[in-house]
Every structure is written in C-alpha cells, then in structure tokens.
C-alpha cells in the first residue's frame, strides 16, 4: 500500500517500496580543460526477490543549509535489476554552483514531474 508509506516513515519505520537502495555514493570534483566538473558515482542495489524496474536517477546539489540549488536527472544504465543485482552509475555536471556543498541522490518520482 504505497499510500501508507508516509505514515510508516512518520513513526520511524523504514519504507522501501522499490526494493532498491543506493550504496557507496561518492561526490568529487575534477578539472578538465579549465572547467570544474562535479562527479557523483555509486551503485544501485536490488533488495527484491524478483526483477524490478529502476527509475530515473535524480540528483540535487544542495548548499550548506540543505537547500536544493541545482537538480538534474539521468536514466539508469540498466532499466531492470534482478534479485540481489548491483548496477554502478556515474553522472557529472560542468561548472557546478559554487555554493554546492553536497548532492542528494534519489529516484525520480511523479511529484518531480509535477504529478500528484
């Protein structure tokens, strides 16, 4: 019952409706041809007992107060993960906002697309 996820989360119970999790997410900066690149890489791991669809990945650069200052998305390298499978991802943006202090990685949702 996806509609009950917020209720369980409100009382501190973990909710993972997709049966996917992020692991080993690392954020770094490199300079290429004089341009700073913000690089985000990590893995998506399936915790499901059957093949599951992997949604678009959503990245949000945040400032020191946690406010999102820049967002972008990317399709996953593979659209389906089997039970226990792992998929690595890597995304980069040139010239990130100067006040970006971290990046939140999650899955793109209907709310991100303006849906309900």
PDB file of N, CA and C in Angstrom:
ATOM      1  N   UNK A   1       0.839  -1.182   0.000  1.00  0.00           N
ATOM      2  CA  UNK A   1       0.000   0.000   0.000  1.00  0.00           C
ATOM      3  C   UNK A   1       0.884   1.245   0.000  1.00  0.00           C
ATOM      4  N   UNK A   2       1.240   1.740  -1.154  1.00  0.00           N
ATOM      5  CA  UNK A   2       2.144   2.888  -1.228  1.00  0.00           C
ATOM      6  C   UNK A   2       1.650   4.102  -0.462  1.00  0.00           C
ATOM      7  N   UNK A   3       0.336   4.291  -0.373  1.00  0.00           N
ATOM      8  CA  UNK A   3      -0.201   5.468   0.316  1.00  0.00           C
ATOM      9  C   UNK A   3       0.090   5.461   1.814  1.00  0.00           C
ATOM     10  N   UNK A   4       0.449   4.312   2.376  1.00  0.00           N
ATOM     11  CA  UNK A   4       0.757   4.257   3.811  1.00  0.00           C
ATOM     12  C   UNK A   4       2.241   4.492   4.099  1.00  0.00           C
ATOM     13  N   UNK A   5       3.051   4.654   3.083  1.00  0.00           N
ATOM     14  CA  UNK A   5       4.499   4.822   3.282  1.00  0.00           C
ATOM     15  C   UNK A   5       4.812   6.019   4.154  1.00  0.00           C
ATOM     16  N   UNK A   6       4.119   7.145   3.935  1.00  0.00           N
ATOM     17  CA  UNK A   6       4.414   8.344   4.736  1.00  0.00           C
ATOM     18  C   UNK A   6       4.028   8.123   6.202  1.00  0.00           C
ATOM     19  N   UNK A   7       2.985   7.355   6.461  1.00  0.00           N
ATOM     20  CA  UNK A   7       2.589   7.060   7.837  1.00  0.00           C
ATOM     21  C   UNK A   7       3.668   6.241   8.543  1.00  0.00           C
ATOM     22  N   UNK A   8       4.149   5.192   7.892  1.00  0.00           N
ATOM     23  CA  UNK A   8       5.212   4.385   8.483  1.00  0.00           C
ATOM     24  C   UNK A   8       6.487   5.206   8.681  1.00  0.00           C
ATOM     25  N   UNK A   9       6.830   6.023   7.704  1.00  0.00           N
ATOM     26  CA  UNK A   9       8.026   6.862   7.819  1.00  0.00           C
ATOM     27  C   UNK A   9       7.882   7.852   8.967  1.00  0.00           C
ATOM     28  N   UNK A  10       6.674   8.363   9.193  1.00  0.00           N
ATOM     29  CA  UNK A  10       6.445   9.342  10.262  1.00  0.00           C
ATOM     30  C   UNK A  10       6.690   8.749  11.646  1.00  0.00           C
ATOM     31  N   UNK A  11       6.469   7.447  11.795  1.00  0.00           N
ATOM     32  CA  UNK A  11       6.696   6.816  13.103  1.00  0.00           C
ATOM     33  C   UNK A  11       8.065   6.139  13.181  1.00  0.00           C
ATOM     34  N   UNK A  12       8.905   6.424  12.180  1.00  0.00           N
ATOM     35  CA  UNK A  12      10.279   5.947  12.232  1.00  0.00           C
ATOM     36  C   UNK A  12      10.525   4.563  11.683  1.00  0.00           C
ATOM     37  N   UNK A  13       9.552   3.982  10.993  1.00  0.00           N
ATOM     38  CA  UNK A  13       9.759   2.662  10.402  1.00  0.00           C
ATOM     39  C   UNK A  13      10.292   2.828   8.977  1.00  0.00           C
ATOM     40  N   UNK A  14      11.311   2.077   8.602  1.00  0.00           N
ATOM     41  CA  UNK A  14      11.862   2.221   7.252  1.00  0.00           C
ATOM     42  C   UNK A  14      10.861   1.763   6.198  1.00  0.00           C
ATOM     43  N   UNK A  15      10.845   2.494   5.083  1.00  0.00           N
ATOM     44  CA  UNK A  15       9.944   2.176   3.984  1.00  0.00           C
ATOM     45  C   UNK A  15      10.764   2.159   2.698  1.00  0.00           C
ATOM     46  N   UNK A  16      10.713   1.058   1.966  1.00  0.00           N
ATOM     47  CA  UNK A  16      11.416   0.962   0.695  1.00  0.00           C
ATOM     48  C   UNK A  16      10.496   0.257  -0.290  1.00  0.00           C
ATOM     49  N   UNK A  17       9.642   1.033  -0.928  1.00  0.00           N
ATOM     50  CA  UNK A  17       8.640   0.466  -1.825  1.00  0.00           C
ATOM     51  C   UNK A  17       9.235  -0.085  -3.115  1.00  0.00           C
ATOM     52  N   UNK A  18      10.381   0.431  -3.515  1.00  0.00           N
ATOM     53  CA  UNK A  18      11.003  -0.011  -4.768  1.00  0.00           C
ATOM     54  C   UNK A  18      11.901  -1.229  -4.572  1.00  0.00           C
ATOM     55  N   UNK A  19      12.301  -1.491  -3.334  1.00  0.00           N
ATOM     56  CA  UNK A  19      13.233  -2.580  -3.024  1.00  0.00           C
ATOM     57  C   UNK A  19      14.578  -2.360  -3.702  1.00  0.00           C
ATOM     58  N   UNK A  20      14.957  -1.074  -3.824  1.00  0.00           N
ATOM     59  CA  UNK A  20      16.244  -0.672  -4.364  1.00  0.00           C
ATOM     60  C   UNK A  20      16.905   0.256  -3.360  1.00  0.00           C
ATOM     61  N   UNK A  21      18.226   0.199  -3.283  1.00  0.00           N
ATOM     62  CA  UNK A  21      18.922   1.121  -2.394  1.00  0.00           C
ATOM     63  C   UNK A  21      20.196   1.611  -3.067  1.00  0.00           C
ATOM     64  N   UNK A  22      20.649   2.776  -2.610  1.00  0.00           N
ATOM     65  CA  UNK A  22      21.897   3.343  -3.082  1.00  0.00           C
ATOM     66  C   UNK A  22      23.010   2.928  -2.131  1.00  0.00           C
ATOM     67  N   UNK A  23      24.174   2.616  -2.686  1.00  0.00           N
ATOM     68  CA  UNK A  23      25.342   2.279  -1.876  1.00  0.00           C
ATOM     69  C   UNK A  23      26.573   2.981  -2.435  1.00  0.00           C
ATOM     70  N   UNK A  24      27.515   3.255  -1.541  1.00  0.00           N
ATOM     71  CA  UNK A  24      28.825   3.791  -1.915  1.00  0.00           C
ATOM     72  C   UNK A  24      28.744   5.039  -2.792  1.00  0.00           C
ATOM     73  N   UNK A  25      27.829   5.939  -2.471  1.00  0.00           N
ATOM     74  CA  UNK A  25      27.717   7.175  -3.242  1.00  0.00           C
ATOM     75  C   UNK A  25      28.874   8.084  -2.858  1.00  0.00           C
ATOM     76  N   UNK A  26      29.611   8.526  -3.874  1.00  0.00           N
ATOM     77  CA  UNK A  26      30.762   9.394  -3.657  1.00  0.00           C
ATOM     78  C   UNK A  26      30.636  10.621  -4.550  1.00  0.00           C
ATOM     79  N   UNK A  27      31.038  11.744  -3.991  1.00  0.00           N
ATOM     80  CA  UNK A  27      30.984  13.012  -4.708  1.00  0.00           C
ATOM     81  C   UNK A  27      32.400  13.552  -4.786  1.00  0.00           C
ATOM     82  N   UNK A  28      32.801  13.983  -5.983  1.00  0.00           N
ATOM     83  CA  UNK A  28      34.135  14.537  -6.147  1.00  0.00           C
ATOM     84  C   UNK A  28      34.100  15.652  -7.184  1.00  0.00           C
ATOM     85  N   UNK A  29      35.185  16.386  -7.254  1.00  0.00           N
ATOM     86  CA  UNK A  29      35.336  17.437  -8.263  1.00  0.00           C
ATOM     87  C   UNK A  29      36.644  17.202  -8.999  1.00  0.00           C
ATOM     88  N   UNK A  30      36.609  17.433 -10.304  1.00  0.00           N
ATOM     89  CA  UNK A  30      37.792  17.354 -11.158  1.00  0.00           C
ATOM     90  C   UNK A  30      37.810  18.582 -12.044  1.00  0.00           C
ATOM     91  N   UNK A  31      38.978  18.881 -12.563  1.00  0.00           N
ATOM     92  CA  UNK A  31      39.094  19.970 -13.529  1.00  0.00           C
ATOM     93  C   UNK A  31      39.530  19.383 -14.857  1.00  0.00           C
ATOM     94  N   UNK A  32      38.755  19.676 -15.920  1.00  0.00           N
ATOM     95  CA  UNK A  32      39.081  19.234 -17.273  1.00  0.00           C
ATOM     96  C   UNK A  32      39.062  20.454 -18.177  1.00  0.00           C
ATOM     97  N   UNK A  33      40.162  20.707 -18.848  1.00  0.00           N
ATOM     98  CA  UNK A  33      40.272  21.852 -19.762  1.00  0.00           C
ATOM     99  C   UNK A  33      39.865  23.150 -19.080  1.00  0.00           C
ATOM    100  N   UNK A  34      40.228  23.295 -17.812  1.00  0.00           N
ATOM    101  CA  UNK A  34      39.936  24.516 -17.064  1.00  0.00           C
ATOM    102  C   UNK A  34      38.521  24.615 -16.527  1.00  0.00           C
ATOM    103  N   UNK A  35      37.701  23.586 -16.717  1.00  0.00           N
ATOM    104  CA  UNK A  35      36.311  23.586 -16.248  1.00  0.00           C
ATOM    105  C   UNK A  35      36.178  22.600 -15.089  1.00  0.00           C
ATOM    106  N   UNK A  36      35.569  23.062 -13.991  1.00  0.00           N
ATOM    107  CA  UNK A  36      35.333  22.181 -12.849  1.00  0.00           C
ATOM    108  C   UNK A  36      34.150  21.278 -13.156  1.00  0.00           C
ATOM    109  N   UNK A  37      34.315  19.990 -12.889  1.00  0.00           N
ATOM    110  CA  UNK A  37      33.238  19.005 -13.035  1.00  0.00           C
ATOM    111  C   UNK A  37      32.869  18.477 -11.660  1.00  0.00           C
ATOM    112  N   UNK A  38      31.574  18.422 -11.383  1.00  0.00           N
ATOM    113  CA  UNK A  38      31.064  17.774 -10.180  1.00  0.00           C
ATOM    114  C   UNK A  38      30.670  16.362 -10.594  1.00  0.00           C
ATOM    115  N   UNK A  39      31.253  15.370  -9.939  1.00  0.00           N
ATOM    116  CA  UNK A  39      31.044  13.971 -10.307  1.00  0.00           C
ATOM    117  C   UNK A  39      30.368  13.243  -9.151  1.00  0.00           C
ATOM    118  N   UNK A  40      29.305  12.516  -9.475  1.00  0.00           N
ATOM    119  CA  UNK A  40      28.588  11.708  -8.486  1.00  0.00           C
ATOM    120  C   UNK A  40      28.576  10.281  -9.016  1.00  0.00           C
ATOM    121  N   UNK A  41      29.048   9.356  -8.186  1.00  0.00           N
ATOM    122  CA  UNK A  41      29.044   7.959  -8.602  1.00  0.00           C
ATOM    123  C   UNK A  41      28.684   7.068  -7.422  1.00  0.00           C
ATOM    124  N   UNK A  42      28.176   5.908  -7.740  1.00  0.00           N
ATOM    125  CA  UNK A  42      27.776   4.963  -6.708  1.00  0.00           C
ATOM    126  C   UNK A  42      27.134   3.753  -7.340  1.00  0.00           C
ATOM    127  N   UNK A  43      26.338   3.045  -6.553  1.00  0.00           N
ATOM    128  CA  UNK A  43      25.674   1.831  -7.022  1.00  0.00           C
ATOM    129  C   UNK A  43      24.217   1.828  -6.593  1.00  0.00           C
ATOM    130  N   UNK A  44      23.385   1.197  -7.405  1.00  0.00           N
ATOM    131  CA  UNK A  44      22.000   0.884  -7.048  1.00  0.00           C
ATOM    132  C   UNK A  44      21.966  -0.623  -6.856  1.00  0.00           C
ATOM    133  N   UNK A  45      21.406  -1.068  -5.724  1.00  0.00           N
ATOM    134  CA  UNK A  45      21.369  -2.491  -5.390  1.00  0.00           C
ATOM    135  C   UNK A  45      19.916  -2.924  -5.204  1.00  0.00           C
ATOM    136  N   UNK A  46      19.561  -4.053  -5.792  1.00  0.00           N
ATOM    137  CA  UNK A  46      18.215  -4.601  -5.639  1.00  0.00           C
ATOM    138  C   UNK A  46      18.136  -5.433  -4.369  1.00  0.00           C
ATOM    139  N   UNK A  47      17.108  -5.178  -3.577  1.00  0.00           N
ATOM    140  CA  UNK A  47      16.810  -5.991  -2.395  1.00  0.00           C
ATOM    141  C   UNK A  47      15.563  -6.840  -2.630  1.00  0.00           C
ATOM    142  N   UNK A  48      15.094  -6.874  -3.866  1.00  0.00           N
ATOM    143  CA  UNK A  48      13.852  -7.577  -4.206  1.00  0.00           C
ATOM    144  C   UNK A  48      14.125  -9.048  -4.496  1.00  0.00           C
ATOM    145  N   UNK A  49      13.095  -9.846  -4.390  1.00  0.00           N
ATOM    146  CA  UNK A  49      13.182 -11.259  -4.713  1.00  0.00           C
ATOM    147  C   UNK A  49      12.804 -11.552  -6.150  1.00  0.00           C
ATOM    148  N   UNK A  50      12.575 -10.514  -6.933  1.00  0.00           N
ATOM    149  CA  UNK A  50      12.207 -10.664  -8.341  1.00  0.00           C
ATOM    150  C   UNK A  50      12.800  -9.477  -9.098  1.00  0.00           C
ATOM    151  N   UNK A  51      12.825  -9.520 -10.426  1.00  0.00           N
ATOM    152  CA  UNK A  51      13.328  -8.380 -11.187  1.00  0.00           C
ATOM    153  C   UNK A  51      12.492  -7.123 -10.903  1.00  0.00           C
ATOM    154  N   UNK A  52      13.178  -5.979 -10.766  1.00  0.00           N
ATOM    155  CA  UNK A  52      12.491  -4.718 -10.510  1.00  0.00           C
ATOM    156  C   UNK A  52      12.965  -3.652 -11.493  1.00  0.00           C
ATOM    157  N   UNK A  53      12.046  -2.750 -11.809  1.00  0.00           N
ATOM    158  CA  UNK A  53      12.362  -1.638 -12.700  1.00  0.00           C
ATOM    159  C   UNK A  53      13.134  -0.565 -11.928  1.00  0.00           C
ATOM    160  N   UNK A  54      14.138  -0.014 -12.561  1.00  0.00           N
ATOM    161  CA  UNK A  54      14.935   1.050 -11.957  1.00  0.00           C
ATOM    162  C   UNK A  54      14.495   2.372 -12.577  1.00  0.00           C
ATOM    163  N   UNK A  55      13.955   3.301 -11.756  1.00  0.00           N
ATOM    164  CA  UNK A  55      13.528   4.590 -12.296  1.00  0.00           C
ATOM    165  C   UNK A  55      14.717   5.489 -12.630  1.00  0.00           C
ATOM    166  N   UNK A  56      14.413   6.637 -13.249  1.00  0.00           N
ATOM    167  CA  UNK A  56      15.441   7.662 -13.483  1.00  0.00           C
ATOM    168  C   UNK A  56      16.084   8.035 -12.163  1.00  0.00           C
ATOM    169  N   UNK A  57      17.331   8.413 -12.215  1.00  0.00           N
ATOM    170  CA  UNK A  57      18.038   8.886 -11.031  1.00  0.00           C
ATOM    171  C   UNK A  57      17.919  10.405 -10.976  1.00  0.00           C
ATOM    172  N   UNK A  58      17.707  10.936  -9.781  1.00  0.00           N
ATOM    173  CA  UNK A  58      17.582  12.387  -9.584  1.00  0.00           C
ATOM    174  C   UNK A  58      18.697  12.833  -8.648  1.00  0.00           C
ATOM    175  N   UNK A  59      19.387  13.878  -9.046  1.00  0.00           N
ATOM    176  CA  UNK A  59      20.490  14.432  -8.273  1.00  0.00           C
ATOM    177  C   UNK A  59      20.136  15.862  -7.885  1.00  0.00           C
ATOM    178  N   UNK A  60      20.429  16.245  -6.657  1.00  0.00           N
ATOM    179  CA  UNK A  60      20.161  17.605  -6.193  1.00  0.00           C
ATOM    180  C   UNK A  60      21.386  18.133  -5.464  1.00  0.00           C
ATOM    181  N   UNK A  61      22.043  19.121  -6.067  1.00  0.00           N
ATOM    182  CA  UNK A  61      23.143  19.805  -5.389  1.00  0.00           C
ATOM    183  C   UNK A  61      22.515  20.716  -4.342  1.00  0.00           C
ATOM    184  N   UNK A  62      23.054  20.647  -3.118  1.00  0.00           N
ATOM    185  CA  UNK A  62      22.490  21.438  -2.019  1.00  0.00           C
ATOM    186  C   UNK A  62      23.566  22.330  -1.405  1.00  0.00           C
ATOM    187  N   UNK A  63      23.106  23.453  -0.853  1.00  0.00           N
ATOM    188  CA  UNK A  63      24.035  24.350  -0.160  1.00  0.00           C
ATOM    189  C   UNK A  63      24.200  23.890   1.286  1.00  0.00           C
ATOM    190  N   UNK A  64      24.946  24.652   2.072  1.00  0.00           N
ATOM    191  CA  UNK A  64      25.240  24.252   3.458  1.00  0.00           C
ATOM    192  C   UNK A  64      23.998  24.153   4.334  1.00  0.00           C
ATOM    193  N   UNK A  65      22.909  24.853   3.976  1.00  0.00           N
ATOM    194  CA  UNK A  65      21.680  24.782   4.767  1.00  0.00           C
ATOM    195  C   UNK A  65      20.755  23.653   4.284  1.00  0.00           C
ATOM    196  N   UNK A  66      21.180  22.896   3.257  1.00  0.00           N
ATOM    197  CA  UNK A  66      20.382  21.786   2.755  1.00  0.00           C
ATOM    198  C   UNK A  66      19.393  22.164   1.666  1.00  0.00           C
ATOM    199  N   UNK A  67      19.418  23.412   1.235  1.00  0.00           N
ATOM    200  CA  UNK A  67      18.501  23.862   0.181  1.00  0.00           C
ATOM    201  C   UNK A  67      19.006  23.390  -1.182  1.00  0.00           C
ATOM    202  N   UNK A  68      18.095  22.827  -1.980  1.00  0.00           N
ATOM    203  CA  UNK A  68      18.469  22.403  -3.327  1.00  0.00           C
ATOM    204  C   UNK A  68      18.716  23.641  -4.183  1.00  0.00           C
ATOM    205  N   UNK A  69      19.895  23.684  -4.810  1.00  0.00           N
ATOM    206  CA  UNK A  69      20.232  24.846  -5.632  1.00  0.00           C
ATOM    207  C   UNK A  69      20.387  24.487  -7.109  1.00  0.00           C
ATOM    208  N   UNK A  70      20.460  23.193  -7.394  1.00  0.00           N
ATOM    209  CA  UNK A  70      20.543  22.740  -8.782  1.00  0.00           C
ATOM    210  C   UNK A  70      20.155  21.270  -8.814  1.00  0.00           C
ATOM    211  N   UNK A  71      19.308  20.876  -9.769  1.00  0.00           N
ATOM    212  CA  UNK A  71      18.919  19.470  -9.896  1.00  0.00           C
ATOM    213  C   UNK A  71      19.106  18.995 -11.335  1.00  0.00           C
ATOM    214  N   UNK A  72      19.318  17.697 -11.486  1.00  0.00           N
ATOM    215  CA  UNK A  72      19.379  17.085 -12.796  1.00  0.00           C
ATOM    216  C   UNK A  72      19.010  15.611 -12.655  1.00  0.00           C
ATOM    217  N   UNK A  73      18.687  14.981 -13.769  1.00  0.00           N
ATOM    218  CA  UNK A  73      18.326  13.563 -13.762  1.00  0.00           C
ATOM    219  C   UNK A  73      19.114  12.833 -14.842  1.00  0.00           C
ATOM    220  N   UNK A  74      19.097  11.534 -14.731  1.00  0.00           N
ATOM    221  CA  UNK A  74      19.681  10.695 -15.784  1.00  0.00           C
ATOM    222  C   UNK A  74      18.977   9.349 -15.777  1.00  0.00           C
ATOM    223  N   UNK A  75      18.879   8.717 -16.951  1.00  0.00           N
ATOM    224  CA  UNK A  75      18.324   7.367 -16.965  1.00  0.00           C
ATOM    225  C   UNK A  75      19.325   6.414 -16.327  1.00  0.00           C
ATOM    226  N   UNK A  76      18.843   5.350 -15.703  1.00  0.00           N
ATOM    227  CA  UNK A  76      19.785   4.380 -15.132  1.00  0.00           C
ATOM    228  C   UNK A  76      20.527   3.658 -16.259  1.00  0.00           C
ATOM    229  N   UNK A  77      21.721   3.181 -15.988  1.00  0.00           N
ATOM    230  CA  UNK A  77      22.453   2.434 -17.017  1.00  0.00           C
ATOM    231  C   UNK A  77      21.709   1.188 -17.505  1.00  0.00           C
ATOM    232  N   UNK A  78      20.896   0.594 -16.616  1.00  0.00           N
ATOM    233  CA  UNK A  78      20.034  -0.539 -16.985  1.00  0.00           C
ATOM    234  C   UNK A  78      18.655  -0.273 -16.412  1.00  0.00           C
ATOM    235  N   UNK A  79      17.620  -0.691 -17.113  1.00  0.00           N
ATOM    236  CA  UNK A  79      16.267  -0.393 -16.652  1.00  0.00           C
ATOM    237  C   UNK A  79      15.692  -1.444 -15.698  1.00  0.00           C
ATOM    238  N   UNK A  80      16.290  -2.623 -15.655  1.00  0.00           N
ATOM    239  CA  UNK A  80      15.806  -3.710 -14.795  1.00  0.00           C
ATOM    240  C   UNK A  80      16.995  -4.300 -14.030  1.00  0.00           C
ATOM    241  N   UNK A  81      16.770  -4.555 -12.727  1.00  0.00           N
ATOM    242  CA  UNK A  81      17.764  -5.264 -11.916  1.00  0.00           C
ATOM    243  C   UNK A  81      17.129  -6.545 -11.395  1.00  0.00           C
ATOM    244  N   UNK A  82      17.868  -7.626 -11.471  1.00  0.00           N
ATOM    245  CA  UNK A  82      17.406  -8.891 -10.932  1.00  0.00           C
ATOM    246  C   UNK A  82      17.642  -8.951  -9.434  1.00  0.00           C
ATOM    247  N   UNK A  83      17.141  -9.981  -8.770  1.00  0.00           N
ATOM    248  CA  UNK A  83      17.313 -10.128  -7.324  1.00  0.00           C
ATOM    249  C   UNK A  83      18.787 -10.054  -6.921  1.00  0.00           C
ATOM    250  N   UNK A  84      19.096  -9.143  -6.002  1.00  0.00           N
ATOM    251  CA  UNK A  84      20.449  -9.008  -5.488  1.00  0.00           C
ATOM    252  C   UNK A  84      21.452  -8.375  -6.423  1.00  0.00           C
ATOM    253  N   UNK A  85      21.041  -7.992  -7.609  1.00  0.00           N
ATOM    254  CA  UNK A  85      21.980  -7.402  -8.565  1.00  0.00           C
ATOM    255  C   UNK A  85      22.369  -5.977  -8.171  1.00  0.00           C
ATOM    256  N   UNK A  86      23.522  -5.575  -8.669  1.00  0.00           N
ATOM    257  CA  UNK A  86      24.089  -4.244  -8.422  1.00  0.00           C
ATOM    258  C   UNK A  86      24.387  -3.592  -9.764  1.00  0.00           C
ATOM    259  N   UNK A  87      24.155  -2.287  -9.830  1.00  0.00           N
ATOM    260  CA  UNK A  87      24.432  -1.523 -11.037  1.00  0.00           C
ATOM    261  C   UNK A  87      25.159  -0.246 -10.628  1.00  0.00           C
ATOM    262  N   UNK A  88      26.309   0.004 -11.223  1.00  0.00           N
ATOM    263  CA  UNK A  88      27.051   1.222 -10.949  1.00  0.00           C
ATOM    264  C   UNK A  88      26.530   2.358 -11.819  1.00  0.00           C
ATOM    265  N   UNK A  89      26.603   3.574 -11.292  1.00  0.00           N
ATOM    266  CA  UNK A  89      26.229   4.758 -12.069  1.00  0.00           C
ATOM    267  C   UNK A  89      27.279   5.844 -11.865  1.00  0.00           C
ATOM    268  N   UNK A  90      27.333   6.752 -12.809  1.00  0.00           N
ATOM    269  CA  UNK A  90      28.237   7.907 -12.741  1.00  0.00           C
ATOM    270  C   UNK A  90      27.572   9.036 -13.506  1.00  0.00           C
ATOM    271  N   UNK A  91      27.502  10.196 -12.875  1.00  0.00           N
ATOM    272  CA  UNK A  91      26.938  11.384 -13.511  1.00  0.00           C
ATOM    273  C   UNK A  91      27.862  12.554 -13.213  1.00  0.00           C
ATOM    274  N   UNK A  92      27.923  13.500 -14.135  1.00  0.00           N
ATOM    275  CA  UNK A  92      28.748  14.676 -13.901  1.00  0.00           C
ATOM    276  C   UNK A  92      28.095  15.900 -14.522  1.00  0.00           C
ATOM    277  N   UNK A  93      28.348  17.037 -13.888  1.00  0.00           N
ATOM    278  CA  UNK A  93      27.882  18.299 -14.452  1.00  0.00           C
ATOM    279  C   UNK A  93      29.066  19.258 -14.488  1.00  0.00           C
ATOM    280  N   UNK A  94      29.169  20.039 -15.564  1.00  0.00           N
ATOM    281  CA  UNK A  94      30.235  21.033 -15.643  1.00  0.00           C
ATOM    282  C   UNK A  94      29.829  22.299 -14.895  1.00  0.00           C
ATOM    283  N   UNK A  95      30.804  22.974 -14.345  1.00  0.00           N
ATOM    284  CA  UNK A  95      30.610  24.265 -13.669  1.00  0.00           C
ATOM    285  C   UNK A  95      29.465  24.223 -12.656  1.00  0.00           C
ATOM    286  N   UNK A  96      29.581  23.392 -11.617  1.00  0.00           N
ATOM    287  CA  UNK A  96      28.503  23.321 -10.615  1.00  0.00           C
ATOM    288  C   UNK A  96      28.405  24.628  -9.841  1.00  0.00           C
ATOM    289  N   UNK A  97      27.250  24.879  -9.202  1.00  0.00           N
ATOM    290  CA  UNK A  97      27.122  26.084  -8.389  1.00  0.00           C
ATOM    291  C   UNK A  97      28.235  26.145  -7.339  1.00  0.00           C
ATOM    292  N   UNK A  98      28.805  27.323  -7.162  1.00  0.00           N
ATOM    293  CA  UNK A  98      29.939  27.490  -6.248  1.00  0.00           C
ATOM    294  C   UNK A  98      29.571  27.139  -4.807  1.00  0.00           C
ATOM    295  N   UNK A  99      28.308  27.347  -4.414  1.00  0.00           N
ATOM    296  CA  UNK A  99      27.922  27.082  -3.023  1.00  0.00           C
ATOM    297  C   UNK A  99      27.370  25.677  -2.803  1.00  0.00           C
ATOM    298  N   UNK A 100      27.552  24.784  -3.776  1.00  0.00           N
ATOM    299  CA  UNK A 100      27.113  23.398  -3.595  1.00  0.00           C
ATOM    300  C   UNK A 100      28.044  22.704  -2.609  1.00  0.00           C
ATOM    301  N   UNK A 101      27.470  22.167  -1.532  1.00  0.00           N
ATOM    302  CA  UNK A 101      28.295  21.506  -0.528  1.00  0.00           C
ATOM    303  C   UNK A 101      28.081  19.996  -0.494  1.00  0.00           C
ATOM    304  N   UNK A 102      26.943  19.519  -1.003  1.00  0.00           N
ATOM    305  CA  UNK A 102      26.719  18.084  -1.117  1.00  0.00           C
ATOM    306  C   UNK A 102      25.689  17.815  -2.197  1.00  0.00           C
ATOM    307  N   UNK A 103      25.463  16.529  -2.482  1.00  0.00           N
ATOM    308  CA  UNK A 103      24.496  16.128  -3.508  1.00  0.00           C
ATOM    309  C   UNK A 103      23.633  15.017  -2.931  1.00  0.00           C
ATOM    310  N   UNK A 104      22.325  15.189  -3.023  1.00  0.00           N
ATOM    311  CA  UNK A 104      21.366  14.168  -2.623  1.00  0.00           C
ATOM    312  C   UNK A 104      21.004  13.356  -3.863  1.00  0.00           C
ATOM    313  N   UNK A 105      21.078  12.032  -3.761  1.00  0.00           N
ATOM    314  CA  UNK A 105      20.729  11.145  -4.866  1.00  0.00           C
ATOM    315  C   UNK A 105      19.507  10.341  -4.459  1.00  0.00           C
ATOM    316  N   UNK A 106      18.502  10.331  -5.331  1.00  0.00           N
ATOM    317  CA  UNK A 106      17.299   9.539  -5.090  1.00  0.00           C
ATOM    318  C   UNK A 106      16.672   9.194  -6.425  1.00  0.00           C
ATOM    319  N   UNK A 107      15.546   8.518  -6.384  1.00  0.00           N
ATOM    320  CA  UNK A 107      14.848   8.170  -7.611  1.00  0.00           C
ATOM    321  C   UNK A 107      13.848   9.259  -7.975  1.00  0.00           C
ATOM    322  N   UNK A 108      13.711   9.508  -9.263  1.00  0.00           N
ATOM    323  CA  UNK A 108      12.761  10.481  -9.792  1.00  0.00           C
ATOM    324  C   UNK A 108      11.348   9.966  -9.518  1.00  0.00           C
ATOM    325  N   UNK A 109      10.447  10.859  -9.065  1.00  0.00           N
ATOM    326  CA  UNK A 109       9.075  10.470  -8.732  1.00  0.00           C
ATOM    327  C   UNK A 109       8.064  11.261  -9.561  1.00  0.00           C
ATOM    328  N   UNK A 110       6.809  10.879  -9.465  1.00  0.00           N
ATOM    329  CA  UNK A 110       5.736  11.595 -10.144  1.00  0.00           C
ATOM    330  C   UNK A 110       5.655  13.032  -9.650  1.00  0.00           C
ATOM    331  N   UNK A 111       5.936  13.270  -8.360  1.00  0.00           N
ATOM    332  CA  UNK A 111       5.910  14.624  -7.827  1.00  0.00           C
ATOM    333  C   UNK A 111       6.967  15.497  -8.486  1.00  0.00           C
ATOM    334  N   UNK A 112       8.117  14.919  -8.821  1.00  0.00           N
ATOM    335  CA  UNK A 112       9.166  15.662  -9.519  1.00  0.00           C
ATOM    336  C   UNK A 112       8.697  16.106 -10.893  1.00  0.00           C
ATOM    337  N   UNK A 113       7.844  15.306 -11.515  1.00  0.00           N
ATOM    338  CA  UNK A 113       7.346  15.610 -12.854  1.00  0.00           C
ATOM    339  C   UNK A 113       6.126  16.532 -12.795  1.00  0.00           C
ATOM    340  N   UNK A 114       5.723  16.922 -11.591  1.00  0.00           N
ATOM    341  CA  UNK A 114       4.568  17.807 -11.450  1.00  0.00           C
ATOM    342  C   UNK A 114       3.272  17.058 -11.258  1.00  0.00           C
ATOM    343  N   UNK A 115       3.352  15.731 -11.113  1.00  0.00           N
ATOM    344  CA  UNK A 115       2.144  14.926 -10.883  1.00  0.00           C
ATOM    345  C   UNK A 115       1.808  14.869  -9.418  1.00  0.00           C
ATOM    346  N   UNK A 116       0.729  14.194  -9.095  1.00  0.00           N
ATOM    347  CA  UNK A 116       0.284  14.056  -7.695  1.00  0.00           C
ATOM    348  C   UNK A 116       0.603  12.691  -7.165  1.00  0.00           C
TER     349      UNK A 116
END
